């Protein structure tokens, strides 16, 4: 997927969807799906709804693994603001 070739991005999306269907409680699969949608959104093969699909997948990843900093950070970059999972300056 990181090569960014259109066929590889499409294959990654299909693979991530299959992974989510096999294990709907896999935060890692949802995070990967969000990355794949974001890669397609940034490509010339952008589909309507790719950006929102990425945010939705990252939201699901955070719901499943709320203390994962990487998942939360990515969602904060592109999605709605989130509370920090820890008291940073208490």
Protein backbone atom coordinates (compact mmCIF):
# COMPACT_ATOMS: atom_id res chain seq x y z
CA UNK A 1 0.00 0.00 0.00
CA UNK A 2 2.83 2.42 0.78
CA UNK A 3 4.08 2.16 -2.80
CA UNK A 4 0.89 3.99 -3.71
CA UNK A 5 0.21 2.15 -6.95
CA UNK A 6 -3.54 2.20 -7.71
CA UNK A 7 -3.82 -1.58 -8.04
CA UNK A 8 -2.00 -2.07 -4.74
CA UNK A 9 -4.27 0.39 -2.95
CA UNK A 10 -7.39 -1.35 -4.29
CA UNK A 11 -5.96 -4.71 -3.24
CA UNK A 12 -5.15 -3.35 0.22
CA UNK A 13 -8.70 -2.06 0.65
CA UNK A 14 -10.11 -5.47 -0.33
CA UNK A 15 -7.68 -7.26 1.99
CA UNK A 16 -8.48 -4.95 4.91
CA UNK A 17 -12.22 -5.37 4.37
CA UNK A 18 -11.71 -9.15 4.38
CA UNK A 19 -9.67 -8.87 7.59
CA UNK A 20 -12.42 -6.82 9.26
CA UNK A 21 -15.03 -9.36 8.17
CA UNK A 22 -12.92 -12.23 9.55
CA UNK A 23 -12.27 -10.46 12.87
CA UNK A 24 -14.66 -7.57 13.49
CA UNK A 25 -12.96 -6.86 16.84
CA UNK A 26 -9.53 -6.25 15.29
CA UNK A 27 -8.57 -2.63 15.86
CA UNK A 28 -5.48 -3.21 13.72
CA UNK A 29 -7.61 -4.29 10.74
CA UNK A 30 -9.79 -1.19 11.04
CA UNK A 31 -6.76 1.04 11.34
CA UNK A 32 -5.24 -0.52 8.20
CA UNK A 33 -8.53 -0.06 6.36
CA UNK A 34 -8.51 3.62 7.30
CA UNK A 35 -4.97 3.99 6.00
CA UNK A 36 -5.91 2.29 2.73
CA UNK A 37 -8.92 4.57 2.23
CA UNK A 38 -6.79 7.61 3.02
CA UNK A 39 -4.18 6.51 0.48
CA UNK A 40 -6.86 6.15 -2.20
CA UNK A 41 -8.30 9.54 -1.21
CA UNK A 42 -4.91 11.12 -1.84
CA UNK A 43 -4.51 9.37 -5.20
CA UNK A 44 -5.89 10.20 -8.61
CA UNK A 45 -8.38 7.31 -8.18
CA UNK A 46 -10.20 9.05 -5.32
CA UNK A 47 -13.73 7.78 -4.75
CA UNK A 48 -16.55 9.79 -3.19
CA UNK A 49 -16.64 9.00 0.48
CA UNK A 50 -13.02 7.78 0.81
CA UNK A 51 -12.11 10.43 3.36
CA UNK A 52 -15.17 9.74 5.52
CA UNK A 53 -14.61 5.98 5.19
CA UNK A 54 -11.07 6.47 6.52
CA UNK A 55 -12.31 8.51 9.48
CA UNK A 56 -15.04 5.94 10.19
CA UNK A 57 -12.52 3.07 10.14
CA UNK A 58 -10.14 4.95 12.46
CA UNK A 59 -13.03 5.75 14.78
CA UNK A 60 -13.86 2.05 15.00
CA UNK A 61 -10.18 1.27 15.70
CA UNK A 62 -10.17 3.78 18.57
CA UNK A 63 -13.45 2.36 19.89
CA UNK A 64 -11.84 -1.10 19.99
CA UNK A 65 -8.46 0.05 21.37
CA UNK A 66 -9.07 3.38 23.12
CA UNK A 67 -5.61 3.60 24.68
CA UNK A 68 -3.67 3.09 21.45
CA UNK A 69 -1.86 6.39 20.97
CA UNK A 70 -1.20 5.92 17.24
CA UNK A 71 -4.84 5.20 16.45
CA UNK A 72 -6.03 8.16 18.52
CA UNK A 73 -3.44 10.49 17.01
CA UNK A 74 -4.43 9.62 13.45
CA UNK A 75 -8.08 10.17 14.24
CA UNK A 76 -7.29 13.51 15.88
CA UNK A 77 -5.39 14.57 12.76
CA UNK A 78 -8.31 13.95 10.43
CA UNK A 79 -11.43 13.42 12.51
CA UNK A 80 -13.24 15.02 15.39
CA UNK A 81 -11.24 16.17 18.43
CA UNK A 82 -10.83 13.53 21.13
CA UNK A 83 -10.07 13.70 24.81
CA UNK A 84 -6.64 12.49 25.80
CA UNK A 85 -6.70 8.95 27.24
CA UNK A 86 -4.64 10.12 30.22
CA UNK A 87 -4.36 13.15 32.46
CA UNK A 88 -1.32 14.83 30.99
CA UNK A 89 -1.02 17.93 33.18
CA UNK A 90 -2.90 17.04 36.35
